[in-house]
Amino acid sequence: MIGGATLLAGVVGNPVAHSMSPALHNAWLAAAGIDGAYVAFRIAEDRFASFVDGLRGGSLRGLNVTLPFKGQALALADRASDRATMAGAANVLVFEPNGEIAADNTDGLGLLAAFAEQAPGFDPKAGPVAILGAGGGARGAAAAFAAAGCPDVRIVNRTQAKAQAITDILGGEAFGLHRAAAAFDGVIAVINATSAGLAGEGDLDAPLEATPAGCVIMDMVYKPLITPFLARARALDRQTVDGLAMLIGQAAPSFEAFYGRSPSAEVDVRALALKLLEPR
């Protein structure tokens, strides 16, 4: 039952119907016995700022932010963590009782946790990585790899100028998508940080065959779990990391920010998510 003392949080994006975040957070809330609820909000792209400003004062404890609002989320915050500032994007907004908004970026934590779980032995210091896309997810990934000591972060995007905007801040090299094969030369990982592959979207035209045999391929998209991008990687015998592992990895620190405690490790949220992802 939702009452006057219920701690409310949620996820905002466009689209957002595919999000597994409500299932994860609500399972953790139930296990902890917290009087809380977590819901999804689909907001028109031109209404995001007014939506967020209307939540000042703490009617909602916090929001996870997904495409396409991560850059705007950082700009609307009154203060931001070093992670968010470095990434130039925020996927977590916490609404304080005094009306202030605090921003954080847990995407990088989730990304590195996903690699640690599904690609044991992967060392971000061991060589260059290539990140496809130039949105908030790509910026978060680039910041995480840079902070983890990656010697060369390459950003690949259809519009090279947008990739250059990231490398101007974080270092590395920008490539247009037509030069993806060159960007993949010698990399230890390739990360798809675009929405290509999301249910209903097409595959990303990236030459994965140009990656070295030991390269790890990751897709931030998790619905479907095995995207066309990951399927092509597996056909090439590349080790893969799925977006669900990243989602769970970034959700745990978000839950702590919203509800004041770590989620219970006894809840198998991956099993829950996989069940929800099964075709119906």
Protein backbone atom coordinates (compact mmCIF):
# COMPACT_ATOMS: atom_id res chain seq x y z
CA MET A 1 0.00 0.00 0.00
CA ILE A 2 1.27 3.47 -0.90
CA GLY A 3 0.65 6.04 1.82
CA GLY A 4 1.78 9.45 2.97
CA ALA A 5 5.10 8.13 4.28
CA THR A 6 5.99 6.06 1.22
CA LEU A 7 9.39 6.89 -0.26
CA LEU A 8 8.87 7.37 -4.00
CA ALA A 9 11.49 7.18 -6.74
CA GLY A 10 11.51 6.26 -10.39
CA VAL A 11 13.10 6.24 -13.81
CA VAL A 12 12.48 8.82 -16.51
CA GLY A 13 13.16 8.48 -20.22
CA ASN A 14 11.69 8.42 -23.70
CA PRO A 15 11.12 5.60 -24.43
CA VAL A 16 10.92 4.01 -20.99
CA ALA A 17 8.33 1.22 -21.26
CA HIS A 18 11.16 -1.28 -21.80
CA SER A 19 12.90 -0.38 -18.54
CA MET A 20 13.55 -3.17 -16.06
CA SER A 21 14.47 -0.71 -13.31
CA PRO A 22 11.02 -0.75 -11.62
CA ALA A 23 11.16 -4.55 -11.31
CA LEU A 24 14.65 -4.48 -9.78
CA HIS A 25 14.05 -1.65 -7.32
CA ASN A 26 10.65 -2.86 -6.20
CA ALA A 27 12.04 -6.36 -5.57
CA TRP A 28 14.79 -4.85 -3.42
CA LEU A 29 12.25 -2.67 -1.58
CA ALA A 30 10.05 -5.67 -0.79
CA ALA A 31 13.00 -7.72 0.46
CA ALA A 32 14.15 -4.88 2.74
CA GLY A 33 10.66 -4.16 4.06
CA ILE A 34 11.01 -0.52 3.05
CA ASP A 35 7.85 1.56 2.66
CA GLY A 36 8.77 2.66 -0.84
CA ALA A 37 7.78 2.41 -4.48
CA TYR A 38 9.60 2.89 -7.78
CA VAL A 39 7.81 3.76 -11.03
CA ALA A 40 8.55 4.72 -14.65
CA PHE A 41 7.88 8.12 -16.24
CA ARG A 42 7.76 8.72 -20.00
CA ILE A 43 8.27 12.44 -20.62
CA ALA A 44 8.13 14.37 -23.89
CA GLU A 45 11.60 15.59 -24.80
CA ASP A 46 10.62 19.26 -24.50
CA ARG A 47 9.04 18.76 -21.04
CA PHE A 48 11.92 17.22 -19.12
CA ALA A 49 13.17 20.43 -17.48
CA SER A 50 9.73 21.45 -16.22
CA PHE A 51 9.08 17.92 -14.98
CA VAL A 52 12.30 17.86 -12.94
CA ASP A 53 11.86 21.37 -11.57
CA GLY A 54 8.38 20.44 -10.41
CA LEU A 55 9.86 17.74 -8.18
CA ARG A 56 12.09 20.11 -6.20
CA GLY A 57 11.45 19.82 -2.49
CA GLY A 58 11.37 16.07 -2.28
CA SER A 59 7.90 14.92 -3.34
CA LEU A 60 9.90 12.26 -5.14
CA ARG A 61 13.09 11.05 -3.46
CA GLY A 62 14.98 10.57 -6.68
CA LEU A 63 15.09 9.64 -10.33
CA ASN A 64 17.18 7.43 -12.51
CA VAL A 65 17.58 9.14 -15.87
CA THR A 66 17.90 7.33 -19.18
CA LEU A 67 17.91 8.31 -22.87
CA PRO A 68 17.70 11.05 -24.02
CA PHE A 69 17.87 13.15 -20.86
CA LYS A 70 21.21 12.45 -19.15
CA GLY A 71 22.90 15.63 -20.35
CA GLN A 72 19.92 17.79 -19.37
CA ALA A 73 19.78 16.11 -15.97
CA LEU A 74 23.29 17.27 -15.12
CA ALA A 75 22.57 20.82 -16.30
CA LEU A 76 19.48 21.04 -14.06
CA ALA A 77 21.28 19.93 -10.89
CA ASP A 78 22.48 22.33 -8.21
CA ARG A 79 25.49 20.17 -7.43
CA ALA A 80 27.06 17.11 -9.00
CA SER A 81 29.45 14.33 -8.08
CA ASP A 82 32.89 14.19 -9.67
CA ARG A 83 31.71 11.16 -11.66
CA ALA A 84 28.81 13.08 -13.18
CA THR A 85 30.91 16.16 -13.87
CA MET A 86 33.60 14.11 -15.59
CA ALA A 87 31.01 12.25 -17.64
CA GLY A 88 29.12 15.41 -18.56
CA ALA A 89 25.91 13.51 -17.82
CA ALA A 90 23.84 12.26 -14.90
CA ASN A 91 21.76 9.11 -14.56
CA VAL A 92 20.82 9.79 -10.91
CA LEU A 93 19.02 12.83 -9.50
CA VAL A 94 18.30 13.10 -5.76
CA PHE A 95 15.75 15.69 -4.62
CA GLU A 96 16.63 17.30 -1.30
CA PRO A 97 13.99 18.70 1.11
CA ASN A 98 15.50 22.20 0.72
CA GLY A 99 14.70 22.20 -3.00
CA GLU A 100 18.18 21.40 -4.26
CA ILE A 101 18.92 18.65 -6.77
CA ALA A 102 22.06 16.50 -6.48
CA ALA A 103 23.33 14.67 -9.57
CA ASP A 104 25.44 11.54 -9.84
CA ASN A 105 26.49 9.12 -12.55
CA THR A 106 26.51 5.43 -11.64
CA ASP A 107 26.66 4.21 -15.24
CA GLY A 108 30.42 3.83 -15.06
CA LEU A 109 30.19 1.80 -11.87
CA GLY A 110 27.64 -0.45 -13.55
CA LEU A 111 29.73 -0.83 -16.69
CA LEU A 112 32.88 -1.86 -14.81
CA ALA A 113 30.85 -4.18 -12.57
CA ALA A 114 29.40 -5.85 -15.68
CA PHE A 115 32.87 -6.42 -17.13
CA ALA A 116 34.12 -7.81 -13.80
CA GLU A 117 31.17 -10.23 -13.68
CA GLN A 118 31.01 -11.44 -17.27
CA ALA A 119 34.58 -10.95 -18.50
CA PRO A 120 36.73 -12.08 -15.54
CA GLY A 121 40.31 -10.99 -15.87
CA PHE A 122 39.48 -7.98 -18.05
CA ASP A 123 41.85 -5.14 -17.20
CA PRO A 124 40.91 -1.66 -18.48
CA LYS A 125 44.56 -0.63 -18.18
CA ALA A 126 45.65 -3.27 -20.69
CA GLY A 127 44.84 -1.39 -23.89
CA PRO A 128 42.55 0.92 -25.84
CA VAL A 129 38.76 0.65 -25.87
CA ALA A 130 36.27 1.90 -28.45
CA ILE A 131 32.87 3.30 -27.48
CA LEU A 132 30.10 3.65 -30.05
CA GLY A 133 27.88 6.69 -29.57
CA ALA A 134 28.23 10.19 -28.17
CA GLY A 135 25.28 10.51 -25.79
CA GLY A 136 25.14 10.36 -22.02
CA GLY A 137 25.81 6.63 -21.89
CA ALA A 138 28.91 7.00 -24.04
CA ARG A 139 30.18 9.88 -21.92
CA GLY A 140 29.65 7.88 -18.75
CA ALA A 141 31.49 4.91 -20.20
CA ALA A 142 34.37 7.06 -21.42
CA ALA A 143 34.72 8.70 -18.03
CA ALA A 144 34.69 5.33 -16.28
CA PHE A 145 37.39 3.86 -18.48
CA ALA A 146 39.52 6.99 -18.23
CA ALA A 147 39.23 6.95 -14.43
CA ALA A 148 40.11 3.23 -14.42
CA GLY A 149 43.39 3.93 -16.20
CA CYS A 150 42.55 2.99 -19.80
CA PRO A 151 45.40 4.37 -21.93
CA ASP A 152 43.28 5.27 -24.97
CA VAL A 153 39.51 5.79 -25.11
CA ARG A 154 38.23 6.03 -28.70
CA ILE A 155 34.79 7.50 -29.38
CA VAL A 156 33.07 6.42 -32.60
CA ASN A 157 29.96 8.25 -33.79
CA ARG A 158 28.09 8.97 -37.01
CA THR A 159 28.72 12.67 -36.37
CA GLN A 160 32.41 12.91 -35.58
CA ALA A 161 32.05 16.41 -34.10
CA LYS A 162 29.91 14.99 -31.29
CA ALA A 163 32.56 12.36 -30.59
CA GLN A 164 35.19 15.09 -30.62
CA ALA A 165 33.26 17.01 -27.95
CA ILE A 166 33.82 14.07 -25.59
CA THR A 167 37.48 13.52 -26.38
CA ASP A 168 38.18 17.25 -26.03
CA ILE A 169 37.25 16.88 -22.37
CA LEU A 170 38.33 13.33 -21.51
CA GLY A 171 41.13 12.75 -23.98
CA GLY A 172 41.38 9.96 -26.52
CA GLU A 173 40.53 10.11 -30.21
CA ALA A 174 37.31 10.75 -32.11
CA PHE A 175 36.27 8.73 -35.15
CA GLY A 176 33.40 8.96 -37.58
CA LEU A 177 31.44 5.71 -37.96
CA HIS A 178 32.93 5.29 -41.43
CA ARG A 179 36.33 4.91 -39.71
CA ALA A 180 35.16 2.37 -37.15
CA ALA A 181 37.49 -0.34 -38.49
CA ALA A 182 40.47 1.92 -37.77
CA ALA A 183 39.11 2.68 -34.29
CA PHE A 184 38.80 -1.06 -33.57
CA ASP A 185 42.46 -1.75 -34.38
CA GLY A 186 44.12 -3.26 -31.31
CA VAL A 187 41.25 -2.59 -28.89
CA ILE A 188 40.56 -4.78 -25.87
CA ALA A 189 36.86 -3.85 -25.77
CA VAL A 190 34.08 -2.33 -27.87
CA ILE A 191 30.98 -0.92 -26.17
CA ASN A 192 27.75 -0.06 -27.96
CA ALA A 193 26.40 2.97 -26.08
CA THR A 194 23.74 3.79 -28.69
CA SER A 195 20.08 2.73 -28.69
CA ALA A 196 20.59 0.63 -31.83
CA GLY A 197 19.44 -2.90 -31.09
CA LEU A 198 16.71 -1.83 -28.67
CA ALA A 199 13.53 -3.75 -29.43
CA GLY A 200 12.17 -2.26 -32.64
CA GLU A 201 15.46 -0.58 -33.58
CA GLY A 202 17.92 -1.86 -36.18
CA ASP A 203 21.44 -3.15 -35.68
CA LEU A 204 24.40 -0.77 -35.61
CA ASP A 205 26.51 -0.93 -38.76
CA ALA A 206 29.87 -1.48 -37.09
CA PRO A 207 32.56 -3.81 -38.52
CA LEU A 208 33.10 -6.11 -35.52
CA GLU A 209 35.17 -8.40 -37.71
CA ALA A 210 37.87 -5.71 -37.49
CA THR A 211 38.27 -6.29 -33.74
CA PRO A 212 41.10 -8.48 -32.40
CA ALA A 213 40.25 -12.07 -31.46
CA GLY A 214 40.55 -11.36 -27.71
CA CYS A 215 38.34 -8.26 -27.77
CA VAL A 216 35.36 -8.13 -25.39
CA ILE A 217 32.14 -6.80 -26.94
CA MET A 218 29.46 -5.14 -24.80
CA ASP A 219 26.03 -3.73 -25.59
CA MET A 220 24.32 -1.38 -23.12
CA VAL A 221 20.95 -2.38 -24.59
CA TYR A 222 19.39 -5.26 -22.63
CA LYS A 223 16.03 -5.73 -24.31
CA PRO A 224 16.50 -8.02 -26.12
CA LEU A 225 19.21 -9.51 -23.92
CA ILE A 226 21.17 -10.75 -26.94
CA THR A 227 20.98 -7.87 -29.37
CA PRO A 228 21.91 -8.22 -33.05
CA PHE A 229 25.18 -6.50 -32.10
CA LEU A 230 26.02 -9.16 -29.49
CA ALA A 231 24.83 -11.95 -31.77
CA ARG A 232 27.30 -10.83 -34.43
CA ALA A 233 30.04 -10.67 -31.80
CA ARG A 234 29.30 -14.22 -30.66
CA ALA A 235 29.33 -15.44 -34.26
CA LEU A 236 32.89 -14.10 -34.38
CA ASP A 237 33.75 -15.99 -31.15
CA ARG A 238 34.19 -12.75 -29.21
CA GLN A 239 33.53 -12.71 -25.49
CA THR A 240 30.42 -10.63 -24.72
CA VAL A 241 28.98 -8.59 -21.86
CA ASP A 242 25.26 -7.84 -21.83
CA GLY A 243 23.46 -4.66 -20.86
CA LEU A 244 21.47 -6.34 -18.09
CA ALA A 245 24.64 -6.79 -16.04
CA MET A 246 25.34 -3.06 -16.39
CA LEU A 247 21.76 -2.17 -15.49
CA ILE A 248 22.00 -4.16 -12.25
CA GLY A 249 25.46 -2.75 -11.52
CA GLN A 250 24.30 0.87 -11.81
CA ALA A 251 20.99 0.22 -10.05
CA ALA A 252 22.53 -0.86 -6.75
CA PRO A 253 24.21 2.48 -5.92
CA SER A 254 21.11 4.29 -7.20
CA PHE A 255 18.94 2.32 -4.75
CA GLU A 256 21.28 3.28 -1.92
CA ALA A 257 21.09 6.96 -2.91
CA PHE A 258 17.27 6.90 -2.92
CA TYR A 259 16.50 4.68 0.05
CA GLY A 260 19.53 4.98 2.32
CA ARG A 261 20.67 1.37 2.33
CA SER A 262 22.29 -1.16 0.03
CA PRO A 263 20.03 -3.65 -1.73
CA SER A 264 19.89 -7.17 -0.37
CA ALA A 265 22.27 -9.60 -2.05
CA GLU A 266 19.75 -12.36 -1.33
CA VAL A 267 17.47 -11.08 -4.08
CA ASP A 268 18.42 -12.60 -7.45
CA VAL A 269 17.36 -9.63 -9.54
CA ARG A 270 19.05 -11.00 -12.65
CA ALA A 271 16.89 -14.12 -12.50
CA LEU A 272 13.85 -11.89 -12.03
CA ALA A 273 14.81 -9.73 -15.01
CA LEU A 274 15.51 -12.73 -17.22
CA LYS A 275 12.09 -14.13 -16.44
CA LEU A 276 10.48 -10.83 -17.40
CA LEU A 277 12.49 -10.77 -20.63
CA GLU A 278 11.14 -14.15 -21.72
CA PRO A 279 8.89 -13.98 -24.81
CA ARG A 280 5.20 -13.97 -23.92
